[in-house]
């Protein structure tokens, strides 16, 4: 998943920030496509990621980079590979992350 239209010139994401955003992106994509939360629009996922980054005062100037796309895929693959029952994994991820949408306006 790519964020569109995000441009800032201050500085690029630090490696740990990029990994955190990739992990968050992976969680939302996993919930949407692997857990049946198909009603979550991609735009809302993008807004939640932007909100999370801005609340941490992170710059998203390089979020659309090829490196970020690779990190997103790696995080998603890692998440898929966690050996937990699908229902348990989905419930845990939903409980711990869907609340972020309540803060996004």
C-alpha atoms as a PDB file:
ATOM      1  CA  UNK A   1       0.000   0.000   0.000  1.00  0.00           C
ATOM      2  CA  UNK A   2       1.310   3.417  -0.877  1.00  0.00           C
ATOM      3  CA  UNK A   3       0.474   6.798   0.567  1.00  0.00           C
ATOM      4  CA  UNK A   4      -0.261   9.382  -2.066  1.00  0.00           C
ATOM      5  CA  UNK A   5       0.332  13.075  -1.953  1.00  0.00           C
ATOM      6  CA  UNK A   6       2.468  13.197   1.174  1.00  0.00           C
ATOM      7  CA  UNK A   7       5.353  15.589   0.729  1.00  0.00           C
ATOM      8  CA  UNK A   8       7.486  17.236   3.370  1.00  0.00           C
ATOM      9  CA  UNK A   9      10.988  18.541   3.039  1.00  0.00           C
ATOM     10  CA  UNK A  10      12.268  18.610   6.619  1.00  0.00           C
ATOM     11  CA  UNK A  11      13.915  15.201   6.835  1.00  0.00           C
ATOM     12  CA  UNK A  12      13.329  11.598   5.901  1.00  0.00           C
ATOM     13  CA  UNK A  13      11.985   8.928   8.207  1.00  0.00           C
ATOM     14  CA  UNK A  14      14.603   7.442  10.504  1.00  0.00           C
ATOM     15  CA  UNK A  15      15.036   3.660  10.097  1.00  0.00           C
ATOM     16  CA  UNK A  16      13.150   2.851  13.313  1.00  0.00           C
ATOM     17  CA  UNK A  17      10.318   5.203  12.321  1.00  0.00           C
ATOM     18  CA  UNK A  18      10.088   3.593   8.885  1.00  0.00           C
ATOM     19  CA  UNK A  19       9.916   0.143  10.476  1.00  0.00           C
ATOM     20  CA  UNK A  20       7.170   1.258  12.867  1.00  0.00           C
ATOM     21  CA  UNK A  21       5.122   2.693  10.003  1.00  0.00           C
ATOM     22  CA  UNK A  22       5.692  -0.449   7.937  1.00  0.00           C
ATOM     23  CA  UNK A  23       4.490  -2.557  10.861  1.00  0.00           C
ATOM     24  CA  UNK A  24       1.380  -0.404  11.294  1.00  0.00           C
ATOM     25  CA  UNK A  25       0.685  -0.539   7.564  1.00  0.00           C
ATOM     26  CA  UNK A  26       1.075  -4.323   7.646  1.00  0.00           C
ATOM     27  CA  UNK A  27      -1.388  -4.629  10.525  1.00  0.00           C
ATOM     28  CA  UNK A  28      -4.060  -2.627   8.703  1.00  0.00           C
ATOM     29  CA  UNK A  29      -3.527  -4.465   5.416  1.00  0.00           C
ATOM     30  CA  UNK A  30      -3.598  -7.810   7.223  1.00  0.00           C
ATOM     31  CA  UNK A  31      -6.838  -6.877   8.982  1.00  0.00           C
ATOM     32  CA  UNK A  32      -8.395  -5.775   5.706  1.00  0.00           C
ATOM     33  CA  UNK A  33      -7.372  -8.639   3.451  1.00  0.00           C
ATOM     34  CA  UNK A  34      -6.752 -11.555   5.813  1.00  0.00           C
ATOM     35  CA  UNK A  35      -9.232 -10.927   8.624  1.00  0.00           C
ATOM     36  CA  UNK A  36     -12.259  -9.791   6.663  1.00  0.00           C
ATOM     37  CA  UNK A  37     -12.243  -6.090   7.538  1.00  0.00           C
ATOM     38  CA  UNK A  38     -12.837  -5.286   3.882  1.00  0.00           C
ATOM     39  CA  UNK A  39     -15.056  -2.320   4.750  1.00  0.00           C
ATOM     40  CA  UNK A  40     -12.015  -0.274   5.820  1.00  0.00           C
ATOM     41  CA  UNK A  41     -11.316   2.082   2.904  1.00  0.00           C
ATOM     42  CA  UNK A  42      -7.690   2.397   1.822  1.00  0.00           C
ATOM     43  CA  UNK A  43      -8.006   6.149   2.312  1.00  0.00           C
ATOM     44  CA  UNK A  44      -8.852   5.636   6.001  1.00  0.00           C
ATOM     45  CA  UNK A  45      -5.815   3.394   6.392  1.00  0.00           C
ATOM     46  CA  UNK A  46      -3.666   6.097   4.814  1.00  0.00           C
ATOM     47  CA  UNK A  47      -5.161   8.742   7.098  1.00  0.00           C
ATOM     48  CA  UNK A  48      -4.521   6.600  10.193  1.00  0.00           C
ATOM     49  CA  UNK A  49      -0.888   6.096   9.186  1.00  0.00           C
ATOM     50  CA  UNK A  50      -0.433   9.822   8.559  1.00  0.00           C
ATOM     51  CA  UNK A  51      -2.090  10.620  11.894  1.00  0.00           C
ATOM     52  CA  UNK A  52       0.186   8.173  13.714  1.00  0.00           C
ATOM     53  CA  UNK A  53       3.288   9.647  12.068  1.00  0.00           C
ATOM     54  CA  UNK A  54       2.272  13.251  12.698  1.00  0.00           C
ATOM     55  CA  UNK A  55       1.367  12.538  16.319  1.00  0.00           C
ATOM     56  CA  UNK A  56       4.936  11.270  16.708  1.00  0.00           C
ATOM     57  CA  UNK A  57       6.267  14.321  14.799  1.00  0.00           C
ATOM     58  CA  UNK A  58       7.721  12.151  12.034  1.00  0.00           C
ATOM     59  CA  UNK A  59       8.329  13.410   8.512  1.00  0.00           C
ATOM     60  CA  UNK A  60       6.698  11.350   5.755  1.00  0.00           C
ATOM     61  CA  UNK A  61       8.751  12.813   2.922  1.00  0.00           C
ATOM     62  CA  UNK A  62      10.173   9.458   1.885  1.00  0.00           C
ATOM     63  CA  UNK A  63       7.200   7.226   2.699  1.00  0.00           C
ATOM     64  CA  UNK A  64       6.546   6.543  -0.987  1.00  0.00           C
ATOM     65  CA  UNK A  65      10.073   5.300  -1.600  1.00  0.00           C
ATOM     66  CA  UNK A  66      10.863   1.842  -2.931  1.00  0.00           C
ATOM     67  CA  UNK A  67      12.555   1.080   0.372  1.00  0.00           C
ATOM     68  CA  UNK A  68       9.333   1.842   2.238  1.00  0.00           C
ATOM     69  CA  UNK A  69       7.352  -0.405  -0.099  1.00  0.00           C
ATOM     70  CA  UNK A  70       9.822  -3.194   0.576  1.00  0.00           C
ATOM     71  CA  UNK A  71       9.572  -2.649   4.344  1.00  0.00           C
ATOM     72  CA  UNK A  72       5.767  -2.734   4.127  1.00  0.00           C
ATOM     73  CA  UNK A  73       5.875  -6.065   2.291  1.00  0.00           C
ATOM     74  CA  UNK A  74       8.424  -7.550   4.688  1.00  0.00           C
ATOM     75  CA  UNK A  75       6.332  -6.505   7.699  1.00  0.00           C
ATOM     76  CA  UNK A  76       3.202  -7.974   6.128  1.00  0.00           C
ATOM     77  CA  UNK A  77       4.980 -11.245   5.331  1.00  0.00           C
ATOM     78  CA  UNK A  78       6.354 -11.384   8.883  1.00  0.00           C
ATOM     79  CA  UNK A  79       2.882 -10.828  10.286  1.00  0.00           C
ATOM     80  CA  UNK A  80       1.400 -13.541   8.077  1.00  0.00           C
ATOM     81  CA  UNK A  81       4.113 -15.922   9.250  1.00  0.00           C
ATOM     82  CA  UNK A  82       3.379 -15.576  12.971  1.00  0.00           C
ATOM     83  CA  UNK A  83       2.260 -19.068  14.015  1.00  0.00           C
ATOM     84  CA  UNK A  84      -0.969 -18.184  15.835  1.00  0.00           C
ATOM     85  CA  UNK A  85      -4.512 -19.248  15.118  1.00  0.00           C
ATOM     86  CA  UNK A  86      -6.018 -16.909  12.516  1.00  0.00           C
ATOM     87  CA  UNK A  87      -9.000 -15.953  14.695  1.00  0.00           C
ATOM     88  CA  UNK A  88      -6.790 -15.148  17.669  1.00  0.00           C
ATOM     89  CA  UNK A  89      -4.365 -13.132  15.552  1.00  0.00           C
ATOM     90  CA  UNK A  90      -7.169 -11.155  13.916  1.00  0.00           C
ATOM     91  CA  UNK A  91      -8.924 -10.439  17.211  1.00  0.00           C
ATOM     92  CA  UNK A  92      -5.688  -9.333  18.865  1.00  0.00           C
ATOM     93  CA  UNK A  93      -4.681  -7.068  15.998  1.00  0.00           C
ATOM     94  CA  UNK A  94      -8.153  -5.540  15.759  1.00  0.00           C
ATOM     95  CA  UNK A  95      -8.358  -4.929  19.501  1.00  0.00           C
ATOM     96  CA  UNK A  96      -4.959  -3.252  19.602  1.00  0.00           C
ATOM     97  CA  UNK A  97      -5.081  -1.166  16.429  1.00  0.00           C
ATOM     98  CA  UNK A  98      -8.563  -0.323  15.148  1.00  0.00           C
ATOM     99  CA  UNK A  99      -9.007   2.271  17.889  1.00  0.00           C
ATOM    100  CA  UNK A 100      -6.583   4.493  15.989  1.00  0.00           C
ATOM    101  CA  UNK A 101      -9.365   5.186  13.476  1.00  0.00           C
ATOM    102  CA  UNK A 102     -11.340   6.952  16.219  1.00  0.00           C
ATOM    103  CA  UNK A 103      -8.653   9.653  16.372  1.00  0.00           C
ATOM    104  CA  UNK A 104      -8.461  10.232  12.628  1.00  0.00           C
ATOM    105  CA  UNK A 105     -10.610  13.073  11.387  1.00  0.00           C
END
